[in-house]
């Protein structure tokens, strides 16, 4: 039986449910890193299934950098419940900062950029991780960037 502390650590690292973490931990023979990889793999499979679902809710995020660069971002999800979650708000803030810093030409260009806080992942991968944690389709609808 898996230690509850390790299951909680796995859950914190992945955002997956307790039973999913326990099952992945057991399936990998107690190897924490392999369990994380297994959960992420399964999460990404679920992400692909969610990509066709309608995104009728969301939020507008604003970000101003040094009073000289401003961003207005429309980030969409399926429900108001998710739109009000801290995970979704943090994603929106990180995306707005990315847009301010990297000045992507459009949404497609944004998605292929390396994330400014962790260049080992792209913005598309960052959004897919959020989808796996939130359980809802999430997408950048549009954004605008102003610079003095």
N, C-alpha and C. Protein backbone atom coordinates (compact mmCIF):
# COMPACT_ATOMS: atom_id res chain seq x y z
N UNK A 1 0.84 -1.19 0.00
CA UNK A 1 0.00 0.00 0.00
C UNK A 1 0.88 1.24 0.00
N UNK A 2 0.48 2.24 -0.76
CA UNK A 2 1.27 3.46 -0.91
C UNK A 2 1.12 4.36 0.31
N UNK A 3 2.21 5.01 0.66
CA UNK A 3 2.22 5.96 1.75
C UNK A 3 1.38 7.19 1.37
N UNK A 4 0.52 7.64 2.27
CA UNK A 4 -0.37 8.76 1.99
C UNK A 4 0.40 10.04 1.70
N UNK A 5 1.56 10.21 2.34
CA UNK A 5 2.39 11.39 2.10
C UNK A 5 2.92 11.44 0.67
N UNK A 6 3.32 10.28 0.15
CA UNK A 6 3.81 10.22 -1.22
C UNK A 6 2.67 10.44 -2.21
N UNK A 7 1.51 9.89 -1.91
CA UNK A 7 0.34 10.11 -2.77
C UNK A 7 0.00 11.60 -2.81
N UNK A 8 0.05 12.27 -1.66
CA UNK A 8 -0.24 13.71 -1.61
C UNK A 8 0.81 14.49 -2.41
N UNK A 9 2.07 14.11 -2.30
CA UNK A 9 3.15 14.76 -3.05
C UNK A 9 2.93 14.57 -4.55
N UNK A 10 2.53 13.38 -4.95
CA UNK A 10 2.23 13.08 -6.35
C UNK A 10 1.04 13.89 -6.83
N UNK A 11 0.06 14.01 -5.97
CA UNK A 11 -1.13 14.80 -6.30
C UNK A 11 -0.79 16.28 -6.45
N UNK A 12 0.06 16.80 -5.56
CA UNK A 12 0.49 18.20 -5.65
C UNK A 12 1.28 18.45 -6.93
N UNK A 13 2.08 17.48 -7.33
CA UNK A 13 2.92 17.64 -8.51
C UNK A 13 2.13 17.57 -9.81
N UNK A 14 1.03 16.83 -9.81
CA UNK A 14 0.31 16.59 -11.06
C UNK A 14 -1.08 17.19 -11.11
N UNK A 15 -1.69 17.43 -9.96
CA UNK A 15 -3.06 17.91 -9.93
C UNK A 15 -4.09 16.81 -10.15
N UNK A 16 -3.63 15.57 -10.24
CA UNK A 16 -4.54 14.44 -10.46
C UNK A 16 -5.25 14.06 -9.17
N UNK A 17 -6.31 13.30 -9.28
CA UNK A 17 -7.07 12.85 -8.13
C UNK A 17 -6.32 11.82 -7.31
N UNK A 18 -6.76 11.63 -6.08
CA UNK A 18 -6.10 10.72 -5.15
C UNK A 18 -6.05 9.30 -5.72
N UNK A 19 -7.15 8.80 -6.22
CA UNK A 19 -7.19 7.42 -6.73
C UNK A 19 -6.32 7.27 -7.98
N UNK A 20 -6.28 8.28 -8.84
CA UNK A 20 -5.41 8.22 -10.02
C UNK A 20 -3.95 8.17 -9.61
N UNK A 21 -3.60 8.97 -8.60
CA UNK A 21 -2.22 8.99 -8.10
C UNK A 21 -1.85 7.65 -7.48
N UNK A 22 -2.76 7.11 -6.66
CA UNK A 22 -2.50 5.83 -6.01
C UNK A 22 -2.32 4.73 -7.05
N UNK A 23 -3.18 4.70 -8.05
CA UNK A 23 -3.12 3.67 -9.09
C UNK A 23 -1.82 3.79 -9.89
N UNK A 24 -1.45 5.02 -10.27
CA UNK A 24 -0.22 5.22 -11.04
C UNK A 24 1.00 4.84 -10.21
N UNK A 25 0.98 5.16 -8.93
CA UNK A 25 2.10 4.84 -8.04
C UNK A 25 2.26 3.32 -7.93
N UNK A 26 1.15 2.62 -7.81
CA UNK A 26 1.19 1.16 -7.70
C UNK A 26 1.62 0.53 -9.03
N UNK A 27 1.12 1.07 -10.14
CA UNK A 27 1.45 0.51 -11.46
C UNK A 27 2.92 0.68 -11.81
N UNK A 28 3.56 1.69 -11.26
CA UNK A 28 4.97 1.94 -11.56
C UNK A 28 5.89 1.35 -10.50
N UNK A 29 5.35 0.54 -9.62
CA UNK A 29 6.16 -0.12 -8.61
C UNK A 29 6.73 0.83 -7.57
N UNK A 30 6.05 1.93 -7.33
CA UNK A 30 6.49 2.87 -6.31
C UNK A 30 7.53 3.88 -6.79
N UNK A 31 7.75 3.97 -8.09
CA UNK A 31 8.71 4.94 -8.65
C UNK A 31 7.98 6.27 -8.87
N UNK A 32 8.35 7.26 -8.07
CA UNK A 32 7.66 8.55 -8.09
C UNK A 32 7.74 9.21 -9.48
N UNK A 33 8.94 9.27 -10.07
CA UNK A 33 9.11 9.95 -11.35
C UNK A 33 8.34 9.24 -12.47
N UNK A 34 8.35 7.92 -12.45
CA UNK A 34 7.59 7.18 -13.46
C UNK A 34 6.09 7.38 -13.26
N UNK A 35 5.66 7.48 -12.01
CA UNK A 35 4.24 7.73 -11.73
C UNK A 35 3.82 9.09 -12.25
N UNK A 36 4.66 10.11 -12.06
CA UNK A 36 4.37 11.45 -12.59
C UNK A 36 4.25 11.39 -14.11
N UNK A 37 5.20 10.71 -14.76
CA UNK A 37 5.17 10.60 -16.22
C UNK A 37 3.91 9.87 -16.69
N UNK A 38 3.52 8.81 -15.98
CA UNK A 38 2.32 8.05 -16.34
C UNK A 38 1.07 8.91 -16.20
N UNK A 39 0.98 9.65 -15.12
CA UNK A 39 -0.19 10.53 -14.92
C UNK A 39 -0.25 11.60 -16.00
N UNK A 40 0.89 12.19 -16.31
CA UNK A 40 0.90 13.22 -17.37
C UNK A 40 0.52 12.63 -18.71
N UNK A 41 1.01 11.44 -19.00
CA UNK A 41 0.66 10.77 -20.26
C UNK A 41 -0.85 10.55 -20.33
N UNK A 42 -1.42 10.04 -19.25
CA UNK A 42 -2.87 9.80 -19.21
C UNK A 42 -3.63 11.11 -19.26
N UNK A 43 -3.09 12.13 -18.62
CA UNK A 43 -3.73 13.45 -18.64
C UNK A 43 -3.77 14.02 -20.04
N UNK A 44 -2.67 13.85 -20.78
CA UNK A 44 -2.64 14.38 -22.13
C UNK A 44 -3.58 13.63 -23.05
N UNK A 45 -3.79 12.35 -22.78
CA UNK A 45 -4.78 11.61 -23.56
C UNK A 45 -6.16 12.21 -23.31
N UNK A 46 -6.47 12.53 -22.06
CA UNK A 46 -7.74 13.15 -21.73
C UNK A 46 -7.85 14.54 -22.32
N UNK A 47 -6.73 15.26 -22.42
CA UNK A 47 -6.72 16.60 -23.00
C UNK A 47 -7.20 16.55 -24.44
N UNK A 48 -6.72 15.57 -25.20
CA UNK A 48 -7.12 15.44 -26.60
C UNK A 48 -8.63 15.19 -26.71
N UNK A 49 -9.18 14.42 -25.78
CA UNK A 49 -10.61 14.15 -25.78
C UNK A 49 -11.42 15.42 -25.50
N UNK A 50 -10.87 16.32 -24.69
CA UNK A 50 -11.59 17.53 -24.29
C UNK A 50 -11.50 18.64 -25.32
N UNK A 51 -10.57 18.56 -26.26
CA UNK A 51 -10.30 19.67 -27.17
C UNK A 51 -11.48 20.04 -28.07
N UNK A 52 -12.43 19.14 -28.25
CA UNK A 52 -13.57 19.46 -29.11
C UNK A 52 -14.73 20.08 -28.33
N UNK A 53 -14.62 20.14 -27.00
CA UNK A 53 -15.72 20.66 -26.20
C UNK A 53 -15.77 22.19 -26.27
N UNK A 54 -16.98 22.72 -26.19
CA UNK A 54 -17.23 24.16 -26.30
C UNK A 54 -16.69 24.92 -25.08
N UNK A 55 -16.13 26.10 -25.35
CA UNK A 55 -15.60 26.95 -24.28
C UNK A 55 -16.48 28.20 -24.18
N UNK A 56 -17.54 28.11 -23.39
CA UNK A 56 -18.51 29.19 -23.28
C UNK A 56 -18.25 30.17 -22.15
N UNK A 57 -17.28 29.89 -21.30
CA UNK A 57 -16.94 30.78 -20.18
C UNK A 57 -15.48 31.19 -20.29
N UNK A 58 -15.03 31.92 -19.31
CA UNK A 58 -13.63 32.33 -19.31
C UNK A 58 -13.45 33.63 -18.56
N UNK A 59 -12.34 34.29 -18.86
CA UNK A 59 -12.09 35.58 -18.22
C UNK A 59 -11.19 36.44 -19.09
N UNK A 60 -11.21 37.72 -18.79
CA UNK A 60 -10.29 38.67 -19.39
C UNK A 60 -9.20 38.96 -18.39
N UNK A 61 -7.97 38.85 -18.82
CA UNK A 61 -6.83 39.14 -17.96
C UNK A 61 -6.10 40.35 -18.52
N UNK A 62 -5.74 41.27 -17.65
CA UNK A 62 -4.95 42.42 -18.06
C UNK A 62 -3.60 42.36 -17.37
N UNK A 63 -2.60 42.90 -18.05
CA UNK A 63 -1.27 42.97 -17.47
C UNK A 63 -0.59 44.22 -18.01
N UNK A 64 -0.02 45.00 -17.13
CA UNK A 64 0.72 46.20 -17.51
C UNK A 64 2.14 46.06 -16.97
N UNK A 65 3.12 46.21 -17.86
CA UNK A 65 4.52 46.09 -17.45
C UNK A 65 5.19 47.46 -17.50
N UNK A 66 5.60 47.94 -16.33
CA UNK A 66 6.31 49.22 -16.19
C UNK A 66 5.58 50.40 -16.84
N UNK A 67 4.28 50.33 -16.94
CA UNK A 67 3.51 51.43 -17.50
C UNK A 67 3.77 51.66 -18.97
N UNK A 68 4.45 50.74 -19.64
CA UNK A 68 4.83 50.93 -21.04
C UNK A 68 4.28 49.85 -21.97
N UNK A 69 3.99 48.67 -21.43
CA UNK A 69 3.47 47.57 -22.24
C UNK A 69 2.21 47.07 -21.56
N UNK A 70 1.12 46.97 -22.32
CA UNK A 70 -0.14 46.48 -21.77
C UNK A 70 -0.68 45.33 -22.60
N UNK A 71 -1.33 44.38 -21.92
CA UNK A 71 -1.90 43.21 -22.59
C UNK A 71 -3.32 43.01 -22.10
N UNK A 72 -4.21 42.70 -23.02
CA UNK A 72 -5.56 42.27 -22.71
C UNK A 72 -5.74 40.90 -23.36
N UNK A 73 -6.03 39.89 -22.53
CA UNK A 73 -6.11 38.50 -22.97
C UNK A 73 -7.50 37.95 -22.70
N UNK A 74 -8.06 37.24 -23.67
CA UNK A 74 -9.31 36.51 -23.49
C UNK A 74 -8.99 35.02 -23.45
N UNK A 75 -9.10 34.43 -22.26
CA UNK A 75 -8.83 33.00 -22.06
C UNK A 75 -10.16 32.32 -21.78
N UNK A 76 -10.46 31.27 -22.54
CA UNK A 76 -11.77 30.61 -22.46
C UNK A 76 -11.67 29.22 -21.83
N UNK A 77 -12.76 28.83 -21.15
CA UNK A 77 -12.92 27.50 -20.57
C UNK A 77 -14.39 27.11 -20.69
N UNK A 78 -14.76 25.99 -20.11
CA UNK A 78 -16.13 25.49 -20.27
C UNK A 78 -17.11 26.05 -19.24
N UNK A 79 -16.66 26.27 -18.00
CA UNK A 79 -17.59 26.68 -16.94
C UNK A 79 -17.05 27.84 -16.12
N UNK A 80 -17.97 28.57 -15.48
CA UNK A 80 -17.58 29.66 -14.58
C UNK A 80 -16.81 29.15 -13.38
N UNK A 81 -17.13 27.94 -12.94
CA UNK A 81 -16.43 27.36 -11.80
C UNK A 81 -14.93 27.29 -12.06
N UNK A 82 -14.54 26.81 -13.22
CA UNK A 82 -13.13 26.72 -13.57
C UNK A 82 -12.54 28.11 -13.81
N UNK A 83 -13.32 28.99 -14.43
CA UNK A 83 -12.83 30.35 -14.71
C UNK A 83 -12.47 31.09 -13.42
N UNK A 84 -13.12 30.75 -12.32
CA UNK A 84 -12.83 31.40 -11.03
C UNK A 84 -11.74 30.68 -10.24
N UNK A 85 -11.25 29.56 -10.72
CA UNK A 85 -10.25 28.79 -9.98
C UNK A 85 -8.88 29.48 -10.02
N UNK A 86 -8.09 29.22 -9.00
CA UNK A 86 -6.75 29.81 -8.92
C UNK A 86 -5.84 29.29 -10.04
N UNK A 87 -5.99 28.04 -10.40
CA UNK A 87 -5.17 27.46 -11.48
C UNK A 87 -5.42 28.21 -12.79
N UNK A 88 -6.68 28.46 -13.10
CA UNK A 88 -7.04 29.14 -14.34
C UNK A 88 -6.57 30.60 -14.31
N UNK A 89 -6.76 31.26 -13.17
CA UNK A 89 -6.32 32.66 -13.04
C UNK A 89 -4.80 32.76 -13.17
N UNK A 90 -4.08 31.82 -12.58
CA UNK A 90 -2.62 31.83 -12.69
C UNK A 90 -2.18 31.60 -14.13
N UNK A 91 -2.86 30.69 -14.83
CA UNK A 91 -2.56 30.46 -16.24
C UNK A 91 -2.78 31.74 -17.05
N UNK A 92 -3.89 32.40 -16.82
CA UNK A 92 -4.19 33.64 -17.54
C UNK A 92 -3.12 34.70 -17.29
N UNK A 93 -2.71 34.84 -16.04
CA UNK A 93 -1.68 35.82 -15.69
C UNK A 93 -0.34 35.48 -16.38
N UNK A 94 0.04 34.21 -16.33
CA UNK A 94 1.29 33.79 -16.98
C UNK A 94 1.25 34.01 -18.48
N UNK A 95 0.11 33.76 -19.10
CA UNK A 95 -0.03 33.98 -20.54
C UNK A 95 0.06 35.46 -20.88
N UNK A 96 -0.57 36.31 -20.07
CA UNK A 96 -0.50 37.76 -20.30
C UNK A 96 0.94 38.26 -20.17
N UNK A 97 1.66 37.76 -19.19
CA UNK A 97 3.08 38.14 -19.04
C UNK A 97 3.89 37.66 -20.24
N UNK A 98 3.60 36.47 -20.72
CA UNK A 98 4.28 35.92 -21.89
C UNK A 98 4.07 36.83 -23.09
N UNK A 99 2.84 37.25 -23.29
CA UNK A 99 2.51 38.11 -24.43
C UNK A 99 3.23 39.45 -24.31
N UNK A 100 3.27 40.01 -23.10
CA UNK A 100 3.96 41.27 -22.89
C UNK A 100 5.45 41.14 -23.19
N UNK A 101 6.05 40.04 -22.75
CA UNK A 101 7.49 39.86 -22.90
C UNK A 101 7.91 39.46 -24.32
N UNK A 102 7.13 38.61 -24.96
CA UNK A 102 7.58 38.00 -26.23
C UNK A 102 6.89 38.55 -27.48
N UNK A 103 5.85 39.33 -27.34
CA UNK A 103 5.16 39.98 -28.45
C UNK A 103 4.84 39.03 -29.61
N UNK A 104 4.05 37.97 -29.35
CA UNK A 104 3.69 37.06 -30.44
C UNK A 104 2.77 37.75 -31.45
N UNK A 105 2.87 37.34 -32.70
CA UNK A 105 2.08 37.95 -33.76
C UNK A 105 0.60 37.58 -33.65
N UNK A 106 0.32 36.35 -33.23
CA UNK A 106 -1.06 35.88 -33.12
C UNK A 106 -1.10 34.69 -32.17
N UNK A 107 -2.28 34.09 -32.01
CA UNK A 107 -2.44 32.97 -31.07
C UNK A 107 -1.58 31.78 -31.49
N UNK A 108 -1.55 31.46 -32.77
CA UNK A 108 -0.74 30.32 -33.23
C UNK A 108 0.73 30.54 -32.92
N UNK A 109 1.22 31.75 -33.11
CA UNK A 109 2.61 32.07 -32.80
C UNK A 109 2.87 31.97 -31.30
N UNK A 110 1.91 32.40 -30.51
CA UNK A 110 2.03 32.31 -29.05
C UNK A 110 2.19 30.86 -28.60
N UNK A 111 1.39 29.96 -29.15
CA UNK A 111 1.37 28.56 -28.71
C UNK A 111 2.69 27.83 -28.93
N UNK A 112 3.48 28.24 -29.91
CA UNK A 112 4.74 27.55 -30.18
C UNK A 112 5.94 28.16 -29.44
N UNK A 113 5.72 29.30 -28.78
CA UNK A 113 6.81 29.94 -28.06
C UNK A 113 7.19 29.16 -26.81
N UNK A 114 8.50 29.17 -26.44
CA UNK A 114 8.89 28.60 -25.15
C UNK A 114 8.37 29.51 -24.02
N UNK A 115 7.92 28.89 -22.94
CA UNK A 115 7.39 29.62 -21.79
C UNK A 115 8.51 30.40 -21.12
N UNK A 116 8.30 31.68 -20.82
CA UNK A 116 9.36 32.53 -20.28
C UNK A 116 9.83 32.09 -18.90
N UNK A 117 8.98 31.44 -18.13
CA UNK A 117 9.36 30.98 -16.79
C UNK A 117 10.01 29.60 -16.79
N UNK A 118 9.85 28.85 -17.88
CA UNK A 118 10.43 27.51 -18.00
C UNK A 118 10.57 27.20 -19.49
N UNK A 119 11.71 27.49 -20.05
CA UNK A 119 11.90 27.37 -21.50
C UNK A 119 11.90 25.92 -22.00
N UNK A 120 11.81 24.96 -21.09
CA UNK A 120 11.77 23.56 -21.52
C UNK A 120 10.38 23.15 -22.02
N UNK A 121 9.37 24.00 -21.79
CA UNK A 121 8.02 23.70 -22.28
C UNK A 121 7.50 24.85 -23.14
N UNK A 122 6.62 24.52 -24.06
CA UNK A 122 5.99 25.55 -24.89
C UNK A 122 4.71 26.04 -24.22
N UNK A 123 4.17 27.11 -24.73
CA UNK A 123 2.90 27.63 -24.21
C UNK A 123 1.79 26.61 -24.45
N UNK A 124 1.82 25.94 -25.59
CA UNK A 124 0.83 24.90 -25.87
C UNK A 124 0.88 23.80 -24.80
N UNK A 125 2.08 23.37 -24.43
CA UNK A 125 2.23 22.35 -23.39
C UNK A 125 1.76 22.87 -22.03
N UNK A 126 2.02 24.14 -21.75
CA UNK A 126 1.57 24.76 -20.50
C UNK A 126 0.04 24.73 -20.41
N UNK A 127 -0.61 25.07 -21.51
CA UNK A 127 -2.08 25.06 -21.54
C UNK A 127 -2.61 23.63 -21.41
N UNK A 128 -1.96 22.66 -22.05
CA UNK A 128 -2.39 21.27 -21.95
C UNK A 128 -2.24 20.74 -20.53
N UNK A 129 -1.19 21.16 -19.83
CA UNK A 129 -1.04 20.77 -18.42
C UNK A 129 -2.19 21.33 -17.60
N UNK A 130 -2.58 22.57 -17.88
CA UNK A 130 -3.70 23.18 -17.15
C UNK A 130 -5.00 22.45 -17.46
N UNK A 131 -5.20 22.06 -18.71
CA UNK A 131 -6.40 21.31 -19.08
C UNK A 131 -6.45 19.99 -18.31
N UNK A 132 -5.31 19.32 -18.21
CA UNK A 132 -5.26 18.05 -17.47
C UNK A 132 -5.61 18.26 -16.01
N UNK A 133 -5.15 19.35 -15.41
CA UNK A 133 -5.42 19.62 -14.00
C UNK A 133 -6.85 20.10 -13.78
N UNK A 134 -7.36 20.92 -14.70
CA UNK A 134 -8.69 21.51 -14.54
C UNK A 134 -9.81 20.58 -14.99
N UNK A 135 -9.52 19.71 -15.94
CA UNK A 135 -10.54 18.80 -16.44
C UNK A 135 -11.48 19.43 -17.45
N UNK A 136 -11.09 20.58 -17.99
CA UNK A 136 -11.93 21.27 -18.98
C UNK A 136 -11.08 21.78 -20.13
N UNK A 137 -11.71 21.86 -21.30
CA UNK A 137 -11.05 22.46 -22.44
C UNK A 137 -10.74 23.92 -22.13
N UNK A 138 -9.57 24.37 -22.50
CA UNK A 138 -9.13 25.73 -22.25
C UNK A 138 -8.40 26.22 -23.50
N UNK A 139 -8.68 27.44 -23.92
CA UNK A 139 -7.97 27.96 -25.09
C UNK A 139 -7.85 29.48 -25.04
N UNK A 140 -6.80 29.95 -25.67
CA UNK A 140 -6.61 31.38 -25.84
C UNK A 140 -7.47 31.80 -27.02
N UNK A 141 -8.47 32.62 -26.74
CA UNK A 141 -9.37 33.05 -27.81
C UNK A 141 -8.72 34.16 -28.62
N UNK A 142 -8.21 35.19 -27.94
CA UNK A 142 -7.55 36.32 -28.61
C UNK A 142 -6.84 37.18 -27.58
N UNK A 143 -6.01 38.06 -28.07
CA UNK A 143 -5.32 39.00 -27.20
C UNK A 143 -4.91 40.23 -28.01
N UNK A 144 -4.64 41.30 -27.28
CA UNK A 144 -4.05 42.48 -27.92
C UNK A 144 -2.95 42.99 -26.99
N UNK A 145 -1.93 43.57 -27.59
CA UNK A 145 -0.77 44.05 -26.86
C UNK A 145 -0.50 45.49 -27.31
N UNK A 146 -0.30 46.36 -26.34
CA UNK A 146 0.00 47.76 -26.62
C UNK A 146 1.36 48.10 -26.05
N UNK A 147 2.10 48.92 -26.76
CA UNK A 147 3.41 49.33 -26.29
C UNK A 147 3.64 50.79 -26.61
N UNK A 148 4.14 51.53 -25.63
CA UNK A 148 4.48 52.94 -25.86
C UNK A 148 5.86 53.07 -26.45
